C-alpha atoms as a PDB file:
ATOM      1  CA  UNK A   1      -0.228  -0.214   0.252  1.00  0.00           C
ATOM      2  CA  UNK A   2       1.423   3.502  -0.894  1.00  0.00           C
ATOM      3  CA  UNK A   3       0.342   6.318   1.338  1.00  0.00           C
ATOM      4  CA  UNK A   4       0.417  10.012   0.356  1.00  0.00           C
ATOM      5  CA  UNK A   5       3.452  12.210   1.347  1.00  0.00           C
ATOM      6  CA  UNK A   6       1.287  14.105   3.929  1.00  0.00           C
ATOM      7  CA  UNK A   7      -0.569  10.556   5.577  1.00  0.00           C
ATOM      8  CA  UNK A   8       3.126   8.532   4.913  1.00  0.00           C
ATOM      9  CA  UNK A   9       4.663  11.778   7.438  1.00  0.00           C
ATOM     10  CA  UNK A  10       2.059  11.540   9.994  1.00  0.00           C
ATOM     11  CA  UNK A  11       2.072   7.401   9.991  1.00  0.00           C
ATOM     12  CA  UNK A  12       5.961   7.536  10.508  1.00  0.00           C
ATOM     13  CA  UNK A  13       5.864  10.463  12.979  1.00  0.00           C
ATOM     14  CA  UNK A  14       2.976   8.561  14.790  1.00  0.00           C
ATOM     15  CA  UNK A  15       5.223   5.647  14.981  1.00  0.00           C
ATOM     16  CA  UNK A  16       8.016   7.726  16.379  1.00  0.00           C
ATOM     17  CA  UNK A  17       6.061   9.145  19.099  1.00  0.00           C
ATOM     18  CA  UNK A  18       4.701   5.585  20.317  1.00  0.00           C
ATOM     19  CA  UNK A  19       7.987   4.249  20.230  1.00  0.00           C
ATOM     20  CA  UNK A  20       9.351   7.017  22.089  1.00  0.00           C
ATOM     21  CA  UNK A  21       6.648   7.155  24.839  1.00  0.00           C
ATOM     22  CA  UNK A  22       7.162   3.663  25.149  1.00  0.00           C
ATOM     23  CA  UNK A  23      11.021   4.096  26.177  1.00  0.00           C
ATOM     24  CA  UNK A  24      10.599   6.911  28.163  1.00  0.00           C
ATOM     25  CA  UNK A  25       7.595   4.686  29.886  1.00  0.00           C
ATOM     26  CA  UNK A  26       9.724   2.020  30.354  1.00  0.00           C
ATOM     27  CA  UNK A  27      12.515   4.113  31.754  1.00  0.00           C
ATOM     28  CA  UNK A  28      10.298   5.863  34.260  1.00  0.00           C
ATOM     29  CA  UNK A  29       9.100   2.511  35.411  1.00  0.00           C
ATOM     30  CA  UNK A  30      12.767   1.448  35.757  1.00  0.00           C
ATOM     31  CA  UNK A  31      13.695   4.379  37.811  1.00  0.00           C
ATOM     32  CA  UNK A  32      11.092   4.352  40.211  1.00  0.00           C
ATOM     33  CA  UNK A  33      11.336   0.246  40.825  1.00  0.00           C
ATOM     34  CA  UNK A  34      12.633   0.323  44.825  1.00  0.00           C
ATOM     35  CA  UNK A  35      14.418  -2.799  44.257  1.00  0.00           C
ATOM     36  CA  UNK A  36      17.083  -0.883  41.591  1.00  0.00           C
ATOM     37  CA  UNK A  37      20.426   0.675  42.595  1.00  0.00           C
ATOM     38  CA  UNK A  38      19.892   4.296  42.657  1.00  0.00           C
ATOM     39  CA  UNK A  39      23.532   5.417  43.514  1.00  0.00           C
ATOM     40  CA  UNK A  40      27.073   4.382  41.837  1.00  0.00           C
ATOM     41  CA  UNK A  41      30.176   5.426  42.078  1.00  0.00           C
ATOM     42  CA  UNK A  42      33.493   5.376  39.582  1.00  0.00           C
ATOM     43  CA  UNK A  43      37.074   5.636  40.335  1.00  0.00           C
ATOM     44  CA  UNK A  44      40.378   5.136  38.375  1.00  0.00           C
ATOM     45  CA  UNK A  45      43.460   3.616  40.072  1.00  0.00           C
ATOM     46  CA  UNK A  46      47.019   2.618  39.376  1.00  0.00           C
ATOM     47  CA  UNK A  47      48.704   3.754  36.205  1.00  0.00           C
ATOM     48  CA  UNK A  48      46.601   6.055  33.999  1.00  0.00           C
ATOM     49  CA  UNK A  49      45.666   4.230  30.524  1.00  0.00           C
ATOM     50  CA  UNK A  50      44.181   6.450  27.385  1.00  0.00           C
ATOM     51  CA  UNK A  51      40.694   5.368  27.370  1.00  0.00           C
ATOM     52  CA  UNK A  52      40.078   6.286  30.884  1.00  0.00           C
ATOM     53  CA  UNK A  53      38.025   9.299  30.375  1.00  0.00           C
ATOM     54  CA  UNK A  54      36.205   7.584  27.703  1.00  0.00           C
ATOM     55  CA  UNK A  55      35.496   5.027  30.260  1.00  0.00           C
ATOM     56  CA  UNK A  56      34.201   7.228  32.915  1.00  0.00           C
ATOM     57  CA  UNK A  57      31.952   8.814  30.525  1.00  0.00           C
ATOM     58  CA  UNK A  58      30.193   6.158  29.743  1.00  0.00           C
ATOM     59  CA  UNK A  59      29.612   4.902  33.249  1.00  0.00           C
ATOM     60  CA  UNK A  60      28.251   8.353  33.956  1.00  0.00           C
ATOM     61  CA  UNK A  61      26.036   8.798  30.679  1.00  0.00           C
ATOM     62  CA  UNK A  62      24.651   4.658  31.454  1.00  0.00           C
ATOM     63  CA  UNK A  63      23.743   6.120  34.964  1.00  0.00           C
ATOM     64  CA  UNK A  64      21.862   8.839  33.821  1.00  0.00           C
ATOM     65  CA  UNK A  65      20.195   6.984  31.194  1.00  0.00           C
ATOM     66  CA  UNK A  66      18.634   4.328  33.864  1.00  0.00           C
ATOM     67  CA  UNK A  67      17.920   7.000  36.336  1.00  0.00           C
ATOM     68  CA  UNK A  68      20.961   6.680  38.490  1.00  0.00           C
ATOM     69  CA  UNK A  69      23.393   9.271  40.216  1.00  0.00           C
ATOM     70  CA  UNK A  70      26.669   8.617  39.356  1.00  0.00           C
ATOM     71  CA  UNK A  71      29.727  10.276  41.405  1.00  0.00           C
ATOM     72  CA  UNK A  72      33.007  10.142  40.805  1.00  0.00           C
ATOM     73  CA  UNK A  73      35.827   9.621  43.449  1.00  0.00           C
ATOM     74  CA  UNK A  74      39.019  11.938  43.176  1.00  0.00           C
ATOM     75  CA  UNK A  75      42.595   9.628  43.285  1.00  0.00           C
ATOM     76  CA  UNK A  76      40.757   5.924  44.044  1.00  0.00           C
ATOM     77  CA  UNK A  77      41.051   4.383  47.150  1.00  0.00           C
ATOM     78  CA  UNK A  78      43.082   7.558  48.621  1.00  0.00           C
ATOM     79  CA  UNK A  79      40.506   9.982  47.608  1.00  0.00           C
ATOM     80  CA  UNK A  80      37.963   7.310  48.788  1.00  0.00           C
ATOM     81  CA  UNK A  81      39.774   6.910  52.630  1.00  0.00           C
ATOM     82  CA  UNK A  82      39.699  11.312  52.209  1.00  0.00           C
ATOM     83  CA  UNK A  83      36.364  11.428  51.140  1.00  0.00           C
ATOM     84  CA  UNK A  84      36.748  13.339  47.815  1.00  0.00           C
ATOM     85  CA  UNK A  85      33.921  12.829  45.800  1.00  0.00           C
ATOM     86  CA  UNK A  86      32.239  14.523  42.680  1.00  0.00           C
ATOM     87  CA  UNK A  87      28.837  14.518  41.163  1.00  0.00           C
ATOM     88  CA  UNK A  88      29.120  13.029  37.611  1.00  0.00           C
ATOM     89  CA  UNK A  89      25.893  14.454  35.822  1.00  0.00           C
ATOM     90  CA  UNK A  90      26.105  14.100  31.681  1.00  0.00           C
ATOM     91  CA  UNK A  91      27.535  17.244  31.033  1.00  0.00           C
ATOM     92  CA  UNK A  92      30.350  17.069  33.523  1.00  0.00           C
ATOM     93  CA  UNK A  93      31.370  14.169  31.491  1.00  0.00           C
ATOM     94  CA  UNK A  94      31.101  16.026  27.931  1.00  0.00           C
ATOM     95  CA  UNK A  95      33.774  16.524  26.019  1.00  0.00           C
ATOM     96  CA  UNK A  96      36.527  14.106  27.805  1.00  0.00           C
ATOM     97  CA  UNK A  97      36.031  11.208  25.661  1.00  0.00           C
ATOM     98  CA  UNK A  98      38.963  12.142  23.381  1.00  0.00           C
ATOM     99  CA  UNK A  99      41.173  13.427  26.095  1.00  0.00           C
ATOM    100  CA  UNK A 100      44.163  11.027  27.488  1.00  0.00           C
ATOM    101  CA  UNK A 101      45.264  10.644  31.034  1.00  0.00           C
ATOM    102  CA  UNK A 102      41.791  10.458  33.754  1.00  0.00           C
ATOM    103  CA  UNK A 103      39.641  13.141  34.729  1.00  0.00           C
ATOM    104  CA  UNK A 104      39.172  11.409  38.008  1.00  0.00           C
ATOM    105  CA  UNK A 105      43.075  11.326  38.772  1.00  0.00           C
ATOM    106  CA  UNK A 106      44.668   8.718  40.337  1.00  0.00           C
ATOM    107  CA  UNK A 107      47.334   7.634  42.829  1.00  0.00           C
ATOM    108  CA  UNK A 108      48.653   4.570  45.011  1.00  0.00           C
ATOM    109  CA  UNK A 109      47.176   4.072  48.619  1.00  0.00           C
ATOM    110  CA  UNK A 110      49.033   2.815  51.435  1.00  0.00           C
ATOM    111  CA  UNK A 111      46.670   3.463  53.856  1.00  0.00           C
ATOM    112  CA  UNK A 112      43.909   1.402  51.668  1.00  0.00           C
ATOM    113  CA  UNK A 113      46.039  -1.595  52.585  1.00  0.00           C
ATOM    114  CA  UNK A 114      45.012  -1.427  56.472  1.00  0.00           C
ATOM    115  CA  UNK A 115      41.661  -2.326  57.974  1.00  0.00           C
ATOM    116  CA  UNK A 116      41.546   1.195  59.583  1.00  0.00           C
ATOM    117  CA  UNK A 117      41.805   2.539  56.022  1.00  0.00           C
ATOM    118  CA  UNK A 118      39.227   0.252  54.508  1.00  0.00           C
ATOM    119  CA  UNK A 119      36.868   0.745  57.296  1.00  0.00           C
ATOM    120  CA  UNK A 120      37.528   4.723  56.818  1.00  0.00           C
ATOM    121  CA  UNK A 121      36.717   4.385  52.855  1.00  0.00           C
ATOM    122  CA  UNK A 122      33.357   2.071  53.296  1.00  0.00           C
ATOM    123  CA  UNK A 123      32.099   4.792  56.124  1.00  0.00           C
ATOM    124  CA  UNK A 124      32.444   7.756  53.217  1.00  0.00           C
ATOM    125  CA  UNK A 125      30.801   5.316  50.674  1.00  0.00           C
ATOM    126  CA  UNK A 126      27.852   4.915  52.794  1.00  0.00           C
ATOM    127  CA  UNK A 127      27.525   8.569  53.956  1.00  0.00           C
ATOM    128  CA  UNK A 128      27.496   9.029  49.954  1.00  0.00           C
ATOM    129  CA  UNK A 129      24.692   6.657  49.641  1.00  0.00           C
ATOM    130  CA  UNK A 130      26.618   4.756  47.218  1.00  0.00           C
ATOM    131  CA  UNK A 131      25.181   1.301  46.549  1.00  0.00           C
ATOM    132  CA  UNK A 132      28.066   0.099  43.947  1.00  0.00           C
ATOM    133  CA  UNK A 133      31.151   0.543  42.913  1.00  0.00           C
ATOM    134  CA  UNK A 134      33.233   0.706  38.914  1.00  0.00           C
ATOM    135  CA  UNK A 135      36.404   0.309  40.007  1.00  0.00           C
ATOM    136  CA  UNK A 136      38.749   1.158  36.370  1.00  0.00           C
ATOM    137  CA  UNK A 137      42.357  -0.209  36.832  1.00  0.00           C
ATOM    138  CA  UNK A 138      44.536  -3.484  36.635  1.00  0.00           C
ATOM    139  CA  UNK A 139      45.824  -5.912  39.390  1.00  0.00           C
ATOM    140  CA  UNK A 140      46.062  -3.705  42.225  1.00  0.00           C
ATOM    141  CA  UNK A 141      42.904  -1.702  41.656  1.00  0.00           C
ATOM    142  CA  UNK A 142      41.318  -5.299  42.017  1.00  0.00           C
ATOM    143  CA  UNK A 143      42.726  -7.036  44.504  1.00  0.00           C
ATOM    144  CA  UNK A 144      41.577  -3.893  46.335  1.00  0.00           C
ATOM    145  CA  UNK A 145      38.421  -4.136  45.498  1.00  0.00           C
ATOM    146  CA  UNK A 146      38.421  -7.941  46.491  1.00  0.00           C
ATOM    147  CA  UNK A 147      39.409  -6.635  49.983  1.00  0.00           C
ATOM    148  CA  UNK A 148      37.108  -4.222  50.295  1.00  0.00           C
ATOM    149  CA  UNK A 149      33.988  -6.769  49.241  1.00  0.00           C
ATOM    150  CA  UNK A 150      35.328  -9.005  51.538  1.00  0.00           C
ATOM    151  CA  UNK A 151      34.902  -7.036  54.422  1.00  0.00           C
ATOM    152  CA  UNK A 152      32.046  -4.488  53.440  1.00  0.00           C
ATOM    153  CA  UNK A 153      29.851  -6.238  51.006  1.00  0.00           C
ATOM    154  CA  UNK A 154      29.376  -3.717  48.598  1.00  0.00           C
ATOM    155  CA  UNK A 155      29.048  -4.811  45.041  1.00  0.00           C
ATOM    156  CA  UNK A 156      31.832  -4.023  43.048  1.00  0.00           C
ATOM    157  CA  UNK A 157      32.069  -4.325  38.490  1.00  0.00           C
ATOM    158  CA  UNK A 158      36.103  -3.962  37.275  1.00  0.00           C
ATOM    159  CA  UNK A 159      37.111  -2.494  34.242  1.00  0.00           C
ATOM    160  CA  UNK A 160      40.340  -3.688  32.667  1.00  0.00           C
ATOM    161  CA  UNK A 161      41.919   0.169  32.600  1.00  0.00           C
ATOM    162  CA  UNK A 162      46.067  -0.488  31.829  1.00  0.00           C
ATOM    163  CA  UNK A 163      48.462  -0.361  29.194  1.00  0.00           C
ATOM    164  CA  UNK A 164      49.664  -3.335  29.423  1.00  0.00           C
ATOM    165  CA  UNK A 165      47.355  -5.737  28.237  1.00  0.00           C
ATOM    166  CA  UNK A 166      48.372  -8.573  30.840  1.00  0.00           C
ATOM    167  CA  UNK A 167      45.249  -9.480  32.630  1.00  0.00           C
ATOM    168  CA  UNK A 168      42.808 -12.681  32.252  1.00  0.00           C
ATOM    169  CA  UNK A 169      39.368 -11.913  31.215  1.00  0.00           C
ATOM    170  CA  UNK A 170      39.971  -9.924  28.396  1.00  0.00           C
ATOM    171  CA  UNK A 171      41.604  -9.715  25.155  1.00  0.00           C
ATOM    172  CA  UNK A 172      42.562  -6.142  25.588  1.00  0.00           C
ATOM    173  CA  UNK A 173      42.743  -3.694  28.310  1.00  0.00           C
ATOM    174  CA  UNK A 174      41.794   0.054  28.013  1.00  0.00           C
ATOM    175  CA  UNK A 175      44.909   1.889  26.957  1.00  0.00           C
ATOM    176  CA  UNK A 176      47.222  -0.686  25.071  1.00  0.00           C
ATOM    177  CA  UNK A 177      45.955  -0.194  21.548  1.00  0.00           C
ATOM    178  CA  UNK A 178      46.934   3.421  22.144  1.00  0.00           C
ATOM    179  CA  UNK A 179      50.384   2.599  23.549  1.00  0.00           C
ATOM    180  CA  UNK A 180      51.491   0.454  20.785  1.00  0.00           C
ATOM    181  CA  UNK A 181      50.251   2.824  18.413  1.00  0.00           C
ATOM    182  CA  UNK A 182      52.484   5.406  20.384  1.00  0.00           C
ATOM    183  CA  UNK A 183      55.496   2.700  20.321  1.00  0.00           C
ATOM    184  CA  UNK A 184      54.758   2.395  16.655  1.00  0.00           C
ATOM    185  CA  UNK A 185      55.171   6.128  15.567  1.00  0.00           C
ATOM    186  CA  UNK A 186      58.078   6.594  18.254  1.00  0.00           C
ATOM    187  CA  UNK A 187      60.014   3.785  16.376  1.00  0.00           C
ATOM    188  CA  UNK A 188      59.146   4.581  12.973  1.00  0.00           C
ATOM    189  CA  UNK A 189      60.979   8.256  13.403  1.00  0.00           C
ATOM    190  CA  UNK A 190      63.910   6.176  15.160  1.00  0.00           C
ATOM    191  CA  UNK A 191      64.543   4.279  12.507  1.00  0.00           C
ATOM    192  CA  UNK A 192      64.780   7.333  10.147  1.00  0.00           C
ATOM    193  CA  UNK A 193      67.706   8.288  11.694  1.00  0.00           C
ATOM    194  CA  UNK A 194      69.315   5.172  12.671  1.00  0.00           C
ATOM    195  CA  UNK A 195      69.360   4.778   8.991  1.00  0.00           C
ATOM    196  CA  UNK A 196      70.898   7.878   8.242  1.00  0.00           C
ATOM    197  CA  UNK A 197      73.645   6.846  10.512  1.00  0.00           C
ATOM    198  CA  UNK A 198      74.016   3.234  10.446  1.00  0.00           C
ATOM    199  CA  UNK A 199      73.269   2.971  13.652  1.00  0.00           C
ATOM    200  CA  UNK A 200      72.208   0.244  16.086  1.00  0.00           C
ATOM    201  CA  UNK A 201      69.100   1.490  18.191  1.00  0.00           C
ATOM    202  CA  UNK A 202      68.213  -0.006  21.591  1.00  0.00           C
ATOM    203  CA  UNK A 203      64.401   1.110  22.495  1.00  0.00           C
ATOM    204  CA  UNK A 204      62.897   0.598  25.634  1.00  0.00           C
ATOM    205  CA  UNK A 205      59.336   0.455  26.214  1.00  0.00           C
ATOM    206  CA  UNK A 206      57.110  -0.575  29.509  1.00  0.00           C
ATOM    207  CA  UNK A 207      56.522  -3.779  30.867  1.00  0.00           C
ATOM    208  CA  UNK A 208      57.945  -5.187  33.841  1.00  0.00           C
ATOM    209  CA  UNK A 209      56.281  -8.119  33.897  1.00  0.00           C
ATOM    210  CA  UNK A 210      54.626  -8.609  30.591  1.00  0.00           C
ATOM    211  CA  UNK A 211      56.222  -7.785  26.939  1.00  0.00           C
ATOM    212  CA  UNK A 212      53.364  -7.484  24.620  1.00  0.00           C
ATOM    213  CA  UNK A 213      53.752  -3.904  24.159  1.00  0.00           C
ATOM    214  CA  UNK A 214      57.458  -4.935  23.342  1.00  0.00           C
ATOM    215  CA  UNK A 215      56.337  -7.974  21.224  1.00  0.00           C
ATOM    216  CA  UNK A 216      53.401  -6.330  18.998  1.00  0.00           C
ATOM    217  CA  UNK A 217      55.103  -2.931  18.791  1.00  0.00           C
ATOM    218  CA  UNK A 218      57.981  -5.199  17.466  1.00  0.00           C
ATOM    219  CA  UNK A 219      56.380  -6.597  14.939  1.00  0.00           C
ATOM    220  CA  UNK A 220      54.373  -3.602  13.721  1.00  0.00           C
ATOM    221  CA  UNK A 221      57.900  -1.744  13.583  1.00  0.00           C
ATOM    222  CA  UNK A 222      59.821  -3.941  12.014  1.00  0.00           C
ATOM    223  CA  UNK A 223      62.199  -4.535  14.649  1.00  0.00           C
ATOM    224  CA  UNK A 224      65.300  -7.141  14.312  1.00  0.00           C
ATOM    225  CA  UNK A 225      65.037  -8.092  17.832  1.00  0.00           C
ATOM    226  CA  UNK A 226      62.655  -8.177  20.938  1.00  0.00           C
ATOM    227  CA  UNK A 227      63.629  -8.641  24.454  1.00  0.00           C
ATOM    228  CA  UNK A 228      60.927  -9.804  26.974  1.00  0.00           C
ATOM    229  CA  UNK A 229      60.609 -10.840  30.401  1.00  0.00           C
ATOM    230  CA  UNK A 230      58.417 -13.719  29.823  1.00  0.00           C
ATOM    231  CA  UNK A 231      61.566 -15.596  28.010  1.00  0.00           C
ATOM    232  CA  UNK A 232      65.345 -15.949  28.694  1.00  0.00           C
ATOM    233  CA  UNK A 233      67.684 -13.288  26.915  1.00  0.00           C
ATOM    234  CA  UNK A 234      70.467 -14.997  24.800  1.00  0.00           C
ATOM    235  CA  UNK A 235      72.315 -11.521  24.117  1.00  0.00           C
ATOM    236  CA  UNK A 236      74.622 -13.117  22.614  1.00  0.00           C
ATOM    237  CA  UNK A 237      72.623 -15.579  20.034  1.00  0.00           C
ATOM    238  CA  UNK A 238      70.444 -12.098  19.354  1.00  0.00           C
ATOM    239  CA  UNK A 239      73.620 -10.374  18.205  1.00  0.00           C
ATOM    240  CA  UNK A 240      75.075 -13.051  16.146  1.00  0.00           C
ATOM    241  CA  UNK A 241      71.981 -12.784  14.096  1.00  0.00           C
ATOM    242  CA  UNK A 242      72.429  -9.232  13.582  1.00  0.00           C
ATOM    243  CA  UNK A 243      76.134  -9.792  12.765  1.00  0.00           C
ATOM    244  CA  UNK A 244      74.818 -12.459  10.130  1.00  0.00           C
ATOM    245  CA  UNK A 245      72.620  -9.415   8.604  1.00  0.00           C
ATOM    246  CA  UNK A 246      74.657  -6.688   8.935  1.00  0.00           C
ATOM    247  CA  UNK A 247      75.996  -6.307   5.450  1.00  0.00           C
ATOM    248  CA  UNK A 248      72.355  -6.077   3.591  1.00  0.00           C
ATOM    249  CA  UNK A 249      70.945  -3.675   6.640  1.00  0.00           C
ATOM    250  CA  UNK A 250      71.573  -0.018   7.409  1.00  0.00           C
ATOM    251  CA  UNK A 251      69.961   0.200  10.532  1.00  0.00           C
ATOM    252  CA  UNK A 252      68.622  -2.247  13.025  1.00  0.00           C
ATOM    253  CA  UNK A 253      66.440  -1.969  16.050  1.00  0.00           C
ATOM    254  CA  UNK A 254      65.975  -3.764  19.160  1.00  0.00           C
ATOM    255  CA  UNK A 255      62.714  -3.311  21.207  1.00  0.00           C
ATOM    256  CA  UNK A 256      63.513  -4.142  24.949  1.00  0.00           C
ATOM    257  CA  UNK A 257      60.783  -4.349  27.645  1.00  0.00           C
ATOM    258  CA  UNK A 258      61.760  -2.329  30.734  1.00  0.00           C
ATOM    259  CA  UNK A 259      61.578  -6.012  33.125  1.00  0.00           C
ATOM    260  CA  UNK A 260      63.761  -7.768  30.732  1.00  0.00           C
ATOM    261  CA  UNK A 261      65.906 -10.143  32.034  1.00  0.00           C
ATOM    262  CA  UNK A 262      69.152  -8.040  30.826  1.00  0.00           C
ATOM    263  CA  UNK A 263      67.680  -5.275  32.929  1.00  0.00           C
ATOM    264  CA  UNK A 264      66.597  -3.082  30.430  1.00  0.00           C
ATOM    265  CA  UNK A 265      67.577  -1.235  27.659  1.00  0.00           C
ATOM    266  CA  UNK A 266      70.706   0.826  29.199  1.00  0.00           C
ATOM    267  CA  UNK A 267      71.948  -2.461  30.269  1.00  0.00           C
ATOM    268  CA  UNK A 268      71.627  -4.279  27.335  1.00  0.00           C
ATOM    269  CA  UNK A 269      73.561  -1.309  25.650  1.00  0.00           C
ATOM    270  CA  UNK A 270      76.493  -1.852  28.061  1.00  0.00           C
ATOM    271  CA  UNK A 271      76.796  -5.380  27.167  1.00  0.00           C
ATOM    272  CA  UNK A 272      76.694  -5.042  23.621  1.00  0.00           C
ATOM    273  CA  UNK A 273      79.149  -2.219  23.106  1.00  0.00           C
ATOM    274  CA  UNK A 274      81.956  -4.083  25.089  1.00  0.00           C
ATOM    275  CA  UNK A 275      81.454  -7.367  23.103  1.00  0.00           C
ATOM    276  CA  UNK A 276      80.708  -5.340  19.999  1.00  0.00           C
ATOM    277  CA  UNK A 277      82.459  -2.044  19.626  1.00  0.00           C
ATOM    278  CA  UNK A 278      82.210  -1.783  15.831  1.00  0.00           C
ATOM    279  CA  UNK A 279      78.762  -0.380  16.828  1.00  0.00           C
ATOM    280  CA  UNK A 280      77.278   2.727  16.681  1.00  0.00           C
ATOM    281  CA  UNK A 281      74.841   2.138  19.532  1.00  0.00           C
ATOM    282  CA  UNK A 282      71.968   4.152  21.014  1.00  0.00           C
ATOM    283  CA  UNK A 283      69.429   3.876  23.246  1.00  0.00           C
ATOM    284  CA  UNK A 284      65.908   5.527  23.548  1.00  0.00           C
ATOM    285  CA  UNK A 285      63.724   4.946  26.426  1.00  0.00           C
ATOM    286  CA  UNK A 286      59.937   5.641  25.378  1.00  0.00           C
ATOM    287  CA  UNK A 287      59.042   5.877  29.226  1.00  0.00           C
ATOM    288  CA  UNK A 288      55.683   7.888  29.813  1.00  0.00           C
ATOM    289  CA  UNK A 289      54.625   8.832  26.627  1.00  0.00           C
ATOM    290  CA  UNK A 290      53.391   5.544  26.224  1.00  0.00           C
ATOM    291  CA  UNK A 291      50.732   6.492  28.941  1.00  0.00           C
ATOM    292  CA  UNK A 292      49.833   9.814  27.461  1.00  0.00           C
ATOM    293  CA  UNK A 293      48.086  11.575  24.199  1.00  0.00           C
ATOM    294  CA  UNK A 294      44.631  10.772  23.035  1.00  0.00           C
ATOM    295  CA  UNK A 295      43.343   7.397  23.154  1.00  0.00           C
ATOM    296  CA  UNK A 296      42.907   5.590  19.455  1.00  0.00           C
ATOM    297  CA  UNK A 297      39.362   4.755  18.312  1.00  0.00           C
ATOM    298  CA  UNK A 298      39.694   1.433  18.942  1.00  0.00           C
ATOM    299  CA  UNK A 299      39.957   2.174  22.663  1.00  0.00           C
ATOM    300  CA  UNK A 300      37.738   4.644  22.524  1.00  0.00           C
ATOM    301  CA  UNK A 301      34.768   1.875  21.702  1.00  0.00           C
ATOM    302  CA  UNK A 302      36.872  -0.175  23.984  1.00  0.00           C
ATOM    303  CA  UNK A 303      36.096   1.776  27.312  1.00  0.00           C
ATOM    304  CA  UNK A 304      32.738   2.919  25.859  1.00  0.00           C
ATOM    305  CA  UNK A 305      31.467  -1.278  25.476  1.00  0.00           C
ATOM    306  CA  UNK A 306      32.972  -1.613  28.881  1.00  0.00           C
ATOM    307  CA  UNK A 307      31.849   1.321  31.096  1.00  0.00           C
ATOM    308  CA  UNK A 308      27.719   0.527  29.961  1.00  0.00           C
ATOM    309  CA  UNK A 309      28.565  -3.201  30.715  1.00  0.00           C
ATOM    310  CA  UNK A 310      29.493  -2.341  34.148  1.00  0.00           C
ATOM    311  CA  UNK A 311      26.716  -0.365  34.977  1.00  0.00           C
ATOM    312  CA  UNK A 312      24.674  -2.471  33.523  1.00  0.00           C
ATOM    313  CA  UNK A 313      26.020  -6.015  35.548  1.00  0.00           C
ATOM    314  CA  UNK A 314      25.546  -3.400  38.689  1.00  0.00           C
ATOM    315  CA  UNK A 315      21.597  -3.322  38.125  1.00  0.00           C
ATOM    316  CA  UNK A 316      21.507  -6.521  36.912  1.00  0.00           C
ATOM    317  CA  UNK A 317      22.497  -7.534  40.529  1.00  0.00           C
ATOM    318  CA  UNK A 318      26.253  -8.757  39.024  1.00  0.00           C
ATOM    319  CA  UNK A 319      29.327  -8.163  41.667  1.00  0.00           C
ATOM    320  CA  UNK A 320      32.707  -8.610  42.236  1.00  0.00           C
ATOM    321  CA  UNK A 321      33.529  -9.231  38.456  1.00  0.00           C
ATOM    322  CA  UNK A 322      35.701  -7.329  35.925  1.00  0.00           C
ATOM    323  CA  UNK A 323      33.753  -6.841  32.628  1.00  0.00           C
ATOM    324  CA  UNK A 324      35.900  -7.822  29.603  1.00  0.00           C
ATOM    325  CA  UNK A 325      35.755  -8.471  26.174  1.00  0.00           C
ATOM    326  CA  UNK A 326      36.584 -11.931  24.921  1.00  0.00           C
ATOM    327  CA  UNK A 327      36.131 -13.040  21.015  1.00  0.00           C
ATOM    328  CA  UNK A 328      34.477  -9.832  20.508  1.00  0.00           C
ATOM    329  CA  UNK A 329      31.574 -10.338  23.386  1.00  0.00           C
ATOM    330  CA  UNK A 330      31.420  -9.125  26.269  1.00  0.00           C
ATOM    331  CA  UNK A 331      32.538 -11.374  29.298  1.00  0.00           C
ATOM    332  CA  UNK A 332      32.757 -11.317  32.744  1.00  0.00           C
ATOM    333  CA  UNK A 333      35.350 -12.707  35.133  1.00  0.00           C
ATOM    334  CA  UNK A 334      35.423 -12.754  38.941  1.00  0.00           C
ATOM    335  CA  UNK A 335      37.824 -10.018  39.824  1.00  0.00           C
ATOM    336  CA  UNK A 336      39.867 -12.282  41.954  1.00  0.00           C
ATOM    337  CA  UNK A 337      40.430 -14.628  38.699  1.00  0.00           C
ATOM    338  CA  UNK A 338      41.135 -11.293  36.701  1.00  0.00           C
ATOM    339  CA  UNK A 339      45.020 -11.071  37.787  1.00  0.00           C
ATOM    340  CA  UNK A 340      48.137 -10.126  36.061  1.00  0.00           C
ATOM    341  CA  UNK A 341      48.358 -13.007  33.949  1.00  0.00           C
ATOM    342  CA  UNK A 342      52.636 -14.304  33.511  1.00  0.00           C
ATOM    343  CA  UNK A 343      51.989 -17.331  31.293  1.00  0.00           C
ATOM    344  CA  UNK A 344      54.407 -17.461  27.732  1.00  0.00           C
ATOM    345  CA  UNK A 345      53.670 -15.080  25.169  1.00  0.00           C
ATOM    346  CA  UNK A 346      51.860 -16.071  21.898  1.00  0.00           C
ATOM    347  CA  UNK A 347      54.004 -18.440  19.839  1.00  0.00           C
ATOM    348  CA  UNK A 348      52.393 -17.517  16.700  1.00  0.00           C
ATOM    349  CA  UNK A 349      53.354 -13.797  17.527  1.00  0.00           C
ATOM    350  CA  UNK A 350      57.350 -15.012  17.934  1.00  0.00           C
ATOM    351  CA  UNK A 351      56.974 -17.444  15.164  1.00  0.00           C
ATOM    352  CA  UNK A 352      55.936 -14.251  12.959  1.00  0.00           C
ATOM    353  CA  UNK A 353      59.043 -12.242  14.525  1.00  0.00           C
ATOM    354  CA  UNK A 354      61.981 -14.832  14.085  1.00  0.00           C
ATOM    355  CA  UNK A 355      60.486 -15.108  10.325  1.00  0.00           C
ATOM    356  CA  UNK A 356      60.109 -11.348   9.665  1.00  0.00           C
ATOM    357  CA  UNK A 357      63.450 -10.269  11.380  1.00  0.00           C
ATOM    358  CA  UNK A 358      65.275 -12.558   9.016  1.00  0.00           C
END
């Protein structure tokens, strides 16, 4: 059936109006359900990671969508102890999606390791009417949340925010994609000067316990060698390979995770300069530039998905789990299992590096 233009517009308008009314009615019903959670708080803890602001924004706006009040806790557990809370209505999180760092700041709290500190934090949460927490951070953040929930019985949903990508229960953590792209950009620039001077550059990246940043960025930047904490380091074997291919290359890049067994880039350079003085060796430590900067699209989308999932999980009655993404789908892992993994790196990536660095 074909409607005249005016009638068709009227039909479409009526349908849209009906859908809007139904949606508002459902939201209104949800907001007035006495069994539903009304007040939540979100905080960031540990090292900052690009995408944390996008996640805070998602938590605050999801709370508003469901008629809940969202509070932000400044400086993580330390702010919880000091009663440093701010309101997070949607307007307060406008314009932060693309920003690095964290609007709520972050800190490490020695006082929270004590029972007295946790009791004080919980007293402030109760005084503020907080019924559930969203904790954005890594292994230490989740261990703190486990201690709090064991003693105070407040539901917590964790969100993995760490550039190291070293947590069980998710394929990717917030900040990892931005960090490796920052490394790639830096190494691309370093290679330009390395080739101009026929140098060996040793580039140190973050990763005290996990070499995922080093390994993936090493493949992506075409590095000739990658040294990571998970595997024993045979520097002599690495240099023999460099020697074999030296005639065919105008430069060489070695990426070293800070926790590698050699002791980092400076220690590796000292050993190489003693044993192979004919190499013009330079060291570049990228340091905290890997934490900063505007998050990539992947990190913004991941942070948004996990922020929404965390609030909806609290509303659904879930507690003490981490929201992650496994095989592209949202998945929840108990907080005490979402810990830093120290397993062997992906053998496929190791093979890739071995083949492509020939």
